PDB file of all heavy atoms in Angstrom:
ATOM      1  N   SER A   1      -8.606  10.438  -9.640  1.00  0.00           N
ATOM      2  CA  SER A   1      -7.615  11.102  -8.789  1.00  0.00           C
ATOM      3  C   SER A   1      -6.364  10.243  -8.709  1.00  0.00           C
ATOM      4  O   SER A   1      -6.388   9.037  -8.985  1.00  0.00           O
ATOM      5  CB  SER A   1      -8.177  11.358  -7.391  1.00  0.00           C
ATOM      6  OG  SER A   1      -8.407  10.137  -6.712  1.00  0.00           O
ATOM      7  N   ILE A   2      -5.250  10.876  -8.328  1.00  0.00           N
ATOM      8  CA  ILE A   2      -3.984  10.174  -8.191  1.00  0.00           C
ATOM      9  C   ILE A   2      -3.313  10.582  -6.886  1.00  0.00           C
ATOM     10  O   ILE A   2      -3.589  11.644  -6.331  1.00  0.00           O
ATOM     11  CB  ILE A   2      -3.031  10.463  -9.372  1.00  0.00           C
ATOM     12  CG1 ILE A   2      -2.749  11.968  -9.477  1.00  0.00           C
ATOM     13  CG2 ILE A   2      -3.596   9.928 -10.674  1.00  0.00           C
ATOM     14  CD1 ILE A   2      -1.706  12.332 -10.520  1.00  0.00           C
ATOM     15  N   CYS A   3      -2.410   9.724  -6.416  1.00  0.00           N
ATOM     16  CA  CYS A   3      -1.639  10.034  -5.221  1.00  0.00           C
ATOM     17  C   CYS A   3      -0.421   9.112  -5.178  1.00  0.00           C
ATOM     18  O   CYS A   3      -0.361   8.104  -5.903  1.00  0.00           O
ATOM     19  CB  CYS A   3      -2.489   9.838  -3.957  1.00  0.00           C
ATOM     20  SG  CYS A   3      -1.751  10.565  -2.447  1.00  0.00           S
ATOM     21  N   HIS A   4       0.557   9.468  -4.358  1.00  0.00           N
ATOM     22  CA  HIS A   4       1.712   8.594  -4.157  1.00  0.00           C
ATOM     23  C   HIS A   4       2.222   8.790  -2.738  1.00  0.00           C
ATOM     24  O   HIS A   4       1.931   9.789  -2.083  1.00  0.00           O
ATOM     25  CB  HIS A   4       2.819   8.873  -5.184  1.00  0.00           C
ATOM     26  CG  HIS A   4       3.329  10.288  -5.177  1.00  0.00           C
ATOM     27  ND1 HIS A   4       4.247  10.756  -4.264  1.00  0.00           N
ATOM     28  CD2 HIS A   4       3.029  11.348  -5.975  1.00  0.00           C
ATOM     29  CE1 HIS A   4       4.505  12.030  -4.510  1.00  0.00           C
ATOM     30  NE2 HIS A   4       3.772  12.422  -5.543  1.00  0.00           N
ATOM     31  N   GLY A   5       2.968   7.799  -2.249  1.00  0.00           N
ATOM     32  CA  GLY A   5       3.446   7.895  -0.878  1.00  0.00           C
ATOM     33  C   GLY A   5       4.397   6.768  -0.531  1.00  0.00           C
ATOM     34  O   GLY A   5       5.018   6.165  -1.408  1.00  0.00           O
ATOM     35  N   SER A   6       4.497   6.491   0.759  1.00  0.00           N
ATOM     36  CA  SER A   6       5.440   5.488   1.246  1.00  0.00           C
ATOM     37  C   SER A   6       4.767   4.622   2.302  1.00  0.00           C
ATOM     38  O   SER A   6       3.667   4.909   2.773  1.00  0.00           O
ATOM     39  CB  SER A   6       6.674   6.172   1.843  1.00  0.00           C
ATOM     40  OG  SER A   6       6.295   6.970   2.966  1.00  0.00           O
ATOM     41  N   SER A   7       5.469   3.557   2.676  1.00  0.00           N
ATOM     42  CA  SER A   7       4.971   2.678   3.728  1.00  0.00           C
ATOM     43  C   SER A   7       6.149   2.016   4.427  1.00  0.00           C
ATOM     44  O   SER A   7       7.116   1.610   3.764  1.00  0.00           O
ATOM     45  CB  SER A   7       4.039   1.607   3.153  1.00  0.00           C
ATOM     46  OG  SER A   7       3.632   0.712   4.174  1.00  0.00           O
ATOM     47  N   ARG A   8       6.107   1.925   5.734  1.00  0.00           N
ATOM     48  CA  ARG A   8       7.072   1.154   6.503  1.00  0.00           C
ATOM     49  C   ARG A   8       6.381  -0.163   6.865  1.00  0.00           C
ATOM     50  O   ARG A   8       5.576  -0.219   7.791  1.00  0.00           O
ATOM     51  CB  ARG A   8       7.507   1.937   7.748  1.00  0.00           C
ATOM     52  CG  ARG A   8       8.354   1.156   8.726  1.00  0.00           C
ATOM     53  CD  ARG A   8       9.679   0.703   8.158  1.00  0.00           C
ATOM     54  NE  ARG A   8      10.535   1.800   7.780  1.00  0.00           N
ATOM     55  CZ  ARG A   8      11.419   2.379   8.591  1.00  0.00           C
ATOM     56  NH1 ARG A   8      11.527   1.963   9.842  1.00  0.00           N
ATOM     57  NH2 ARG A   8      12.194   3.362   8.153  1.00  0.00           N
ATOM     58  N   ASP A   9       6.682  -1.201   6.099  1.00  0.00           N
ATOM     59  CA  ASP A   9       6.041  -2.497   6.297  1.00  0.00           C
ATOM     60  C   ASP A   9       6.811  -3.325   7.315  1.00  0.00           C
ATOM     61  O   ASP A   9       8.048  -3.338   7.317  1.00  0.00           O
ATOM     62  CB  ASP A   9       5.975  -3.267   4.974  1.00  0.00           C
ATOM     63  CG  ASP A   9       5.119  -2.553   3.940  1.00  0.00           C
ATOM     64  OD1 ASP A   9       4.285  -1.718   4.341  1.00  0.00           O
ATOM     65  OD2 ASP A   9       5.277  -2.834   2.738  1.00  0.00           O
ATOM     66  N   ILE A  10       6.093  -4.024   8.161  1.00  0.00           N
ATOM     67  CA  ILE A  10       6.701  -4.957   9.105  1.00  0.00           C
ATOM     68  C   ILE A  10       6.387  -6.370   8.613  1.00  0.00           C
ATOM     69  O   ILE A  10       5.230  -6.772   8.539  1.00  0.00           O
ATOM     70  CB  ILE A  10       6.177  -4.754  10.529  1.00  0.00           C
ATOM     71  CG1 ILE A  10       6.446  -3.323  10.999  1.00  0.00           C
ATOM     72  CG2 ILE A  10       6.820  -5.761  11.484  1.00  0.00           C
ATOM     73  CD1 ILE A  10       5.878  -3.011  12.376  1.00  0.00           C
ATOM     74  N   CYS A  11       7.427  -7.099   8.241  1.00  0.00           N
ATOM     75  CA  CYS A  11       7.274  -8.454   7.731  1.00  0.00           C
ATOM     76  C   CYS A  11       7.514  -9.446   8.867  1.00  0.00           C
ATOM     77  O   CYS A  11       8.581  -9.433   9.488  1.00  0.00           O
ATOM     78  CB  CYS A  11       8.276  -8.713   6.603  1.00  0.00           C
ATOM     79  SG  CYS A  11       8.183  -7.532   5.236  1.00  0.00           S
ATOM     80  N   PHE A  12       6.549 -10.295   9.117  1.00  0.00           N
ATOM     81  CA  PHE A  12       6.664 -11.308  10.151  1.00  0.00           C
ATOM     82  C   PHE A  12       7.118 -12.608   9.487  1.00  0.00           C
ATOM     83  O   PHE A  12       6.361 -13.244   8.756  1.00  0.00           O
ATOM     84  CB  PHE A  12       5.328 -11.495  10.874  1.00  0.00           C
ATOM     85  CG  PHE A  12       4.824 -10.226  11.530  1.00  0.00           C
ATOM     86  CD1 PHE A  12       3.907  -9.412  10.883  1.00  0.00           C
ATOM     87  CD2 PHE A  12       5.295  -9.849  12.779  1.00  0.00           C
ATOM     88  CE1 PHE A  12       3.448  -8.243  11.480  1.00  0.00           C
ATOM     89  CE2 PHE A  12       4.842  -8.692  13.384  1.00  0.00           C
ATOM     90  CZ  PHE A  12       3.919  -7.876  12.735  1.00  0.00           C
ATOM     91  N   MET A  13       8.384 -12.980   9.739  1.00  0.00           N
ATOM     92  CA  MET A  13       8.989 -14.113   9.067  1.00  0.00           C
ATOM     93  C   MET A  13       8.550 -15.425   9.704  1.00  0.00           C
ATOM     94  O   MET A  13       8.172 -15.482  10.876  1.00  0.00           O
ATOM     95  CB  MET A  13      10.518 -14.000   9.123  1.00  0.00           C
ATOM     96  CG  MET A  13      11.077 -12.641   8.741  1.00  0.00           C
ATOM     97  SD  MET A  13      10.614 -12.130   7.082  1.00  0.00           S
ATOM     98  CE  MET A  13      11.433 -13.395   6.118  1.00  0.00           C
ATOM     99  N   ARG A  14       8.626 -16.475   8.915  1.00  0.00           N
ATOM    100  CA  ARG A  14       8.281 -17.803   9.415  1.00  0.00           C
ATOM    101  C   ARG A  14       9.212 -18.231  10.553  1.00  0.00           C
ATOM    102  O   ARG A  14       8.830 -19.005  11.438  1.00  0.00           O
ATOM    103  CB  ARG A  14       8.336 -18.822   8.278  1.00  0.00           C
ATOM    104  CG  ARG A  14       7.807 -20.189   8.621  1.00  0.00           C
ATOM    105  CD  ARG A  14       7.686 -21.051   7.393  1.00  0.00           C
ATOM    106  NE  ARG A  14       6.685 -20.523   6.484  1.00  0.00           N
ATOM    107  CZ  ARG A  14       5.378 -20.750   6.590  1.00  0.00           C
ATOM    108  NH1 ARG A  14       4.926 -21.479   7.592  1.00  0.00           N
ATOM    109  NH2 ARG A  14       4.524 -20.241   5.730  1.00  0.00           N
ATOM    110  N   SER A  15      10.434 -17.701  10.554  1.00  0.00           N
ATOM    111  CA  SER A  15      11.409 -18.039  11.600  1.00  0.00           C
ATOM    112  C   SER A  15      11.094 -17.363  12.934  1.00  0.00           C
ATOM    113  O   SER A  15      11.706 -17.664  13.943  1.00  0.00           O
ATOM    114  CB  SER A  15      12.809 -17.619  11.151  1.00  0.00           C
ATOM    115  OG  SER A  15      12.888 -16.209  11.041  1.00  0.00           O
ATOM    116  N   GLY A  16      10.137 -16.405  12.915  1.00  0.00           N
ATOM    117  CA  GLY A  16       9.810 -15.676  14.127  1.00  0.00           C
ATOM    118  C   GLY A  16      10.396 -14.276  14.170  1.00  0.00           C
ATOM    119  O   GLY A  16      10.041 -13.485  15.046  1.00  0.00           O
ATOM    120  N   LYS A  17      11.297 -13.964  13.228  1.00  0.00           N
ATOM    121  CA  LYS A  17      11.888 -12.638  13.195  1.00  0.00           C
ATOM    122  C   LYS A  17      10.930 -11.638  12.564  1.00  0.00           C
ATOM    123  O   LYS A  17      10.020 -12.004  11.817  1.00  0.00           O
ATOM    124  CB  LYS A  17      13.195 -12.670  12.410  1.00  0.00           C
ATOM    125  CG  LYS A  17      14.315 -13.433  13.104  1.00  0.00           C
ATOM    126  CD  LYS A  17      15.617 -13.300  12.340  1.00  0.00           C
ATOM    127  CE  LYS A  17      16.754 -14.017  13.059  1.00  0.00           C
ATOM    128  NZ  LYS A  17      17.079 -13.360  14.332  1.00  0.00           N
ATOM    129  N   GLU A  18      11.139 -10.356  12.870  1.00  0.00           N
ATOM    130  CA  GLU A  18      10.392  -9.270  12.257  1.00  0.00           C
ATOM    131  C   GLU A  18      11.370  -8.392  11.463  1.00  0.00           C
ATOM    132  O   GLU A  18      12.404  -8.001  11.982  1.00  0.00           O
ATOM    133  CB  GLU A  18       9.682  -8.425  13.314  1.00  0.00           C
ATOM    134  CG  GLU A  18       8.614  -9.185  14.084  1.00  0.00           C
ATOM    135  CD  GLU A  18       7.891  -8.306  15.093  1.00  0.00           C
ATOM    136  OE1 GLU A  18       8.107  -7.065  15.056  1.00  0.00           O
ATOM    137  OE2 GLU A  18       7.127  -8.842  15.905  1.00  0.00           O
ATOM    138  N   VAL A  19      11.020  -8.125  10.229  1.00  0.00           N
ATOM    139  CA  VAL A  19      11.884  -7.352   9.340  1.00  0.00           C
ATOM    140  C   VAL A  19      11.110  -6.138   8.844  1.00  0.00           C
ATOM    141  O   VAL A  19       9.969  -6.258   8.395  1.00  0.00           O
ATOM    142  CB  VAL A  19      12.347  -8.204   8.134  1.00  0.00           C
ATOM    143  CG1 VAL A  19      13.229  -7.379   7.207  1.00  0.00           C
ATOM    144  CG2 VAL A  19      13.085  -9.440   8.622  1.00  0.00           C
ATOM    145  N   GLU A  20      11.717  -4.974   8.923  1.00  0.00           N
ATOM    146  CA  GLU A  20      11.091  -3.753   8.406  1.00  0.00           C
ATOM    147  C   GLU A  20      11.519  -3.530   6.958  1.00  0.00           C
ATOM    148  O   GLU A  20      12.696  -3.668   6.615  1.00  0.00           O
ATOM    149  CB  GLU A  20      11.480  -2.541   9.260  1.00  0.00           C
ATOM    150  CG  GLU A  20      10.869  -2.559  10.644  1.00  0.00           C
ATOM    151  CD  GLU A  20      11.126  -1.273  11.408  1.00  0.00           C
ATOM    152  OE1 GLU A  20      11.914  -0.438  10.903  1.00  0.00           O
ATOM    153  OE2 GLU A  20      10.548  -1.100  12.485  1.00  0.00           O
ATOM    154  N   LEU A  21      10.553  -3.182   6.130  1.00  0.00           N
ATOM    155  CA  LEU A  21      10.808  -2.976   4.707  1.00  0.00           C
ATOM    156  C   LEU A  21      10.165  -1.666   4.279  1.00  0.00           C
ATOM    157  O   LEU A  21       8.955  -1.485   4.420  1.00  0.00           O
ATOM    158  CB  LEU A  21      10.232  -4.137   3.900  1.00  0.00           C
ATOM    159  CG  LEU A  21      10.487  -4.120   2.395  1.00  0.00           C
ATOM    160  CD1 LEU A  21      11.979  -4.280   2.101  1.00  0.00           C
ATOM    161  CD2 LEU A  21       9.684  -5.222   1.698  1.00  0.00           C
ATOM    162  N   ASP A  22      10.973  -0.741   3.771  1.00  0.00           N
ATOM    163  CA  ASP A  22      10.456   0.535   3.273  1.00  0.00           C
ATOM    164  C   ASP A  22      10.014   0.366   1.830  1.00  0.00           C
ATOM    165  O   ASP A  22      10.787  -0.102   0.978  1.00  0.00           O
ATOM    166  CB  ASP A  22      11.529   1.626   3.362  1.00  0.00           C
ATOM    167  CG  ASP A  22      11.839   2.004   4.804  1.00  0.00           C
ATOM    168  OD1 ASP A  22      10.900   2.048   5.610  1.00  0.00           O
ATOM    169  OD2 ASP A  22      13.024   2.247   5.109  1.00  0.00           O
ATOM    170  N   THR A  23       8.775   0.749   1.545  1.00  0.00           N
ATOM    171  CA  THR A  23       8.251   0.644   0.186  1.00  0.00           C
ATOM    172  C   THR A  23       7.704   1.986  -0.276  1.00  0.00           C
ATOM    173  O   THR A  23       7.429   2.887   0.525  1.00  0.00           O
ATOM    174  CB  THR A  23       7.122  -0.410   0.103  1.00  0.00           C
ATOM    175  OG1 THR A  23       6.052  -0.030   0.987  1.00  0.00           O
ATOM    176  CG2 THR A  23       7.622  -1.780   0.494  1.00  0.00           C
ATOM    177  N   ARG A  24       7.577   2.113  -1.584  1.00  0.00           N
ATOM    178  CA  ARG A  24       6.949   3.279  -2.204  1.00  0.00           C
ATOM    179  C   ARG A  24       5.725   2.795  -2.981  1.00  0.00           C
ATOM    180  O   ARG A  24       5.694   1.667  -3.481  1.00  0.00           O
ATOM    181  CB  ARG A  24       7.912   3.969  -3.167  1.00  0.00           C
ATOM    182  CG  ARG A  24       9.213   4.433  -2.545  1.00  0.00           C
ATOM    183  CD  ARG A  24       9.038   5.668  -1.714  1.00  0.00           C
ATOM    184  NE  ARG A  24       8.390   6.734  -2.461  1.00  0.00           N
ATOM    185  CZ  ARG A  24       7.881   7.836  -1.908  1.00  0.00           C
ATOM    186  NH1 ARG A  24       7.924   7.999  -0.588  1.00  0.00           N
ATOM    187  NH2 ARG A  24       7.327   8.776  -2.638  1.00  0.00           N
ATOM    188  N   TRP A  25       4.713   3.651  -3.088  1.00  0.00           N
ATOM    189  CA  TRP A  25       3.504   3.276  -3.813  1.00  0.00           C
ATOM    190  C   TRP A  25       2.942   4.465  -4.577  1.00  0.00           C
ATOM    191  O   TRP A  25       3.162   5.613  -4.214  1.00  0.00           O
ATOM    192  CB  TRP A  25       2.437   2.707  -2.873  1.00  0.00           C
ATOM    193  CG  TRP A  25       2.067   3.595  -1.723  1.00  0.00           C
ATOM    194  CD1 TRP A  25       2.618   3.593  -0.479  1.00  0.00           C
ATOM    195  CD2 TRP A  25       1.082   4.652  -1.718  1.00  0.00           C
ATOM    196  NE1 TRP A  25       2.043   4.561   0.304  1.00  0.00           N
ATOM    197  CE2 TRP A  25       1.102   5.227  -0.431  1.00  0.00           C
ATOM    198  CE3 TRP A  25       0.211   5.158  -2.672  1.00  0.00           C
ATOM    199  CZ2 TRP A  25       0.252   6.292  -0.084  1.00  0.00           C
ATOM    200  CZ3 TRP A  25      -0.627   6.210  -2.327  1.00  0.00           C
ATOM    201  CH2 TRP A  25      -0.603   6.768  -1.044  1.00  0.00           C
ATOM    202  N   SER A  26       2.229   4.162  -5.630  1.00  0.00           N
ATOM    203  CA  SER A  26       1.481   5.172  -6.390  1.00  0.00           C
ATOM    204  C   SER A  26       0.142   4.560  -6.768  1.00  0.00           C
ATOM    205  O   SER A  26       0.034   3.350  -6.997  1.00  0.00           O
ATOM    206  CB  SER A  26       2.245   5.605  -7.650  1.00  0.00           C
ATOM    207  OG  SER A  26       2.514   4.498  -8.487  1.00  0.00           O
ATOM    208  N   VAL A  27      -0.893   5.394  -6.807  1.00  0.00           N
ATOM    209  CA  VAL A  27      -2.235   4.869  -6.999  1.00  0.00           C
ATOM    210  C   VAL A  27      -3.059   5.796  -7.884  1.00  0.00           C
ATOM    211  O   VAL A  27      -2.886   7.017  -7.863  1.00  0.00           O
ATOM    212  CB  VAL A  27      -2.942   4.675  -5.624  1.00  0.00           C
ATOM    213  CG1 VAL A  27      -3.166   6.013  -4.929  1.00  0.00           C
ATOM    214  CG2 VAL A  27      -4.254   3.932  -5.774  1.00  0.00           C
ATOM    215  N   THR A  28      -3.915   5.189  -8.681  1.00  0.00           N
ATOM    216  CA  THR A  28      -4.929   5.908  -9.446  1.00  0.00           C
ATOM    217  C   THR A  28      -6.294   5.431  -8.974  1.00  0.00           C
ATOM    218  O   THR A  28      -6.560   4.225  -8.945  1.00  0.00           O
ATOM    219  CB  THR A  28      -4.787   5.651 -10.956  1.00  0.00           C
ATOM    220  OG1 THR A  28      -3.493   6.079 -11.388  1.00  0.00           O
ATOM    221  CG2 THR A  28      -5.860   6.414 -11.735  1.00  0.00           C
ATOM    222  N   LEU A  29      -7.139   6.380  -8.587  1.00  0.00           N
ATOM    223  CA  LEU A  29      -8.477   6.057  -8.094  1.00  0.00           C
ATOM    224  C   LEU A  29      -9.525   6.522  -9.086  1.00  0.00           C
ATOM    225  O   LEU A  29      -9.340   7.520  -9.786  1.00  0.00           O
ATOM    226  CB  LEU A  29      -8.723   6.729  -6.740  1.00  0.00           C
ATOM    227  CG  LEU A  29      -7.718   6.454  -5.623  1.00  0.00           C
ATOM    228  CD1 LEU A  29      -8.092   7.260  -4.383  1.00  0.00           C
ATOM    229  CD2 LEU A  29      -7.644   4.977  -5.303  1.00  0.00           C
ATOM    230  N   VAL A  30     -10.639   5.798  -9.142  1.00  0.00           N
ATOM    231  CA  VAL A  30     -11.767   6.186  -9.986  1.00  0.00           C
ATOM    232  C   VAL A  30     -13.045   6.087  -9.156  1.00  0.00           C
ATOM    233  O   VAL A  30     -13.126   5.299  -8.212  1.00  0.00           O
ATOM    234  CB  VAL A  30     -11.884   5.304 -11.250  1.00  0.00           C
ATOM    235  CG1 VAL A  30     -10.667   5.488 -12.151  1.00  0.00           C
ATOM    236  CG2 VAL A  30     -12.056   3.831 -10.875  1.00  0.00           C
ATOM    237  N   ARG A  31     -14.013   6.880  -9.545  1.00  0.00           N
ATOM    238  CA  ARG A  31     -15.325   6.769  -8.908  1.00  0.00           C
ATOM    239  C   ARG A  31     -16.097   5.671  -9.628  1.00  0.00           C
ATOM    240  O   ARG A  31     -16.397   5.778 -10.812  1.00  0.00           O
ATOM    241  CB  ARG A  31     -16.075   8.100  -8.981  1.00  0.00           C
ATOM    242  CG  ARG A  31     -17.204   8.212  -7.956  1.00  0.00           C
ATOM    243  CD  ARG A  31     -18.054   9.452  -8.214  1.00  0.00           C
ATOM    244  NE  ARG A  31     -17.271  10.668  -8.136  1.00  0.00           N
ATOM    245  CZ  ARG A  31     -17.046  11.350  -7.013  1.00  0.00           C
ATOM    246  NH1 ARG A  31     -17.537  10.911  -5.879  1.00  0.00           N
ATOM    247  NH2 ARG A  31     -16.343  12.470  -7.021  1.00  0.00           N
ATOM    248  N   ASP A  32     -16.373   4.604  -8.905  1.00  0.00           N
ATOM    249  CA  ASP A  32     -16.986   3.417  -9.491  1.00  0.00           C
ATOM    250  C   ASP A  32     -18.255   3.090  -8.715  1.00  0.00           C
ATOM    251  O   ASP A  32     -18.192   2.757  -7.526  1.00  0.00           O
ATOM    252  CB  ASP A  32     -15.994   2.244  -9.442  1.00  0.00           C
ATOM    253  CG  ASP A  32     -16.491   1.021 -10.184  1.00  0.00           C
ATOM    254  OD1 ASP A  32     -17.578   1.071 -10.776  1.00  0.00           O
ATOM    255  OD2 ASP A  32     -15.790  -0.008 -10.165  1.00  0.00           O
ATOM    256  N   GLY A  33     -19.395   3.213  -9.360  1.00  0.00           N
ATOM    257  CA  GLY A  33     -20.652   2.960  -8.669  1.00  0.00           C
ATOM    258  C   GLY A  33     -20.926   3.947  -7.557  1.00  0.00           C
ATOM    259  O   GLY A  33     -21.545   3.594  -6.546  1.00  0.00           O
ATOM    260  N   GLY A  34     -20.440   5.177  -7.715  1.00  0.00           N
ATOM    261  CA  GLY A  34     -20.663   6.220  -6.728  1.00  0.00           C
ATOM    262  C   GLY A  34     -19.647   6.241  -5.597  1.00  0.00           C
ATOM    263  O   GLY A  34     -19.696   7.127  -4.743  1.00  0.00           O
ATOM    264  N   ALA A  35     -18.707   5.272  -5.581  1.00  0.00           N
ATOM    265  CA  ALA A  35     -17.697   5.200  -4.514  1.00  0.00           C
ATOM    266  C   ALA A  35     -16.308   5.204  -5.129  1.00  0.00           C
ATOM    267  O   ALA A  35     -16.099   4.730  -6.251  1.00  0.00           O
ATOM    268  CB  ALA A  35     -17.901   3.941  -3.674  1.00  0.00           C
ATOM    269  N   TRP A  36     -15.335   5.732  -4.383  1.00  0.00           N
ATOM    270  CA  TRP A  36     -13.959   5.745  -4.845  1.00  0.00           C
ATOM    271  C   TRP A  36     -13.354   4.354  -4.721  1.00  0.00           C
ATOM    272  O   TRP A  36     -13.479   3.699  -3.687  1.00  0.00           O
ATOM    273  CB  TRP A  36     -13.127   6.753  -4.061  1.00  0.00           C
ATOM    274  CG  TRP A  36     -13.428   8.164  -4.426  1.00  0.00           C
ATOM    275  CD1 TRP A  36     -14.203   9.047  -3.728  1.00  0.00           C
ATOM    276  CD2 TRP A  36     -12.972   8.861  -5.592  1.00  0.00           C
ATOM    277  NE1 TRP A  36     -14.261  10.246  -4.387  1.00  0.00           N
ATOM    278  CE2 TRP A  36     -13.509  10.172  -5.526  1.00  0.00           C
ATOM    279  CE3 TRP A  36     -12.164   8.523  -6.668  1.00  0.00           C
ATOM    280  CZ2 TRP A  36     -13.265  11.129  -6.521  1.00  0.00           C
ATOM    281  CZ3 TRP A  36     -11.917   9.464  -7.663  1.00  0.00           C
ATOM    282  CH2 TRP A  36     -12.465  10.753  -7.577  1.00  0.00           C
ATOM    283  N   LYS A  37     -12.703   3.885  -5.802  1.00  0.00           N
ATOM    284  CA  LYS A  37     -12.083   2.573  -5.846  1.00  0.00           C
ATOM    285  C   LYS A  37     -10.683   2.687  -6.447  1.00  0.00           C
ATOM    286  O   LYS A  37     -10.364   3.626  -7.162  1.00  0.00           O
ATOM    287  CB  LYS A  37     -12.928   1.612  -6.705  1.00  0.00           C
ATOM    288  CG  LYS A  37     -14.372   1.450  -6.266  1.00  0.00           C
ATOM    289  CD  LYS A  37     -14.505   0.548  -5.054  1.00  0.00           C
ATOM    290  CE  LYS A  37     -15.968   0.263  -4.726  1.00  0.00           C
ATOM    291  NZ  LYS A  37     -16.118  -0.671  -3.593  1.00  0.00           N
ATOM    292  N   VAL A  38      -9.873   1.691  -6.166  1.00  0.00           N
ATOM    293  CA  VAL A  38      -8.511   1.642  -6.706  1.00  0.00           C
ATOM    294  C   VAL A  38      -8.547   1.033  -8.102  1.00  0.00           C
ATOM    295  O   VAL A  38      -8.968  -0.116  -8.274  1.00  0.00           O
ATOM    296  CB  VAL A  38      -7.591   0.807  -5.795  1.00  0.00           C
ATOM    297  CG1 VAL A  38      -6.199   0.668  -6.420  1.00  0.00           C
ATOM    298  CG2 VAL A  38      -7.495   1.435  -4.411  1.00  0.00           C
ATOM    299  N   ALA A  39      -8.083   1.782  -9.098  1.00  0.00           N
ATOM    300  CA  ALA A  39      -7.991   1.265 -10.459  1.00  0.00           C
ATOM    301  C   ALA A  39      -6.575   0.784 -10.775  1.00  0.00           C
ATOM    302  O   ALA A  39      -6.386  -0.177 -11.507  1.00  0.00           O
ATOM    303  CB  ALA A  39      -8.407   2.331 -11.467  1.00  0.00           C
TER     304      ALA A  39
END
């Protein structure tokens, strides 16, 4: 199976600040050992 989407990541900086980062992702999954896994 396949899918794609987005994520609003919150990055916690060493300085103490928090930075929001918008990312995109795509994934291919396979049934491995009877369970769905990320390939």
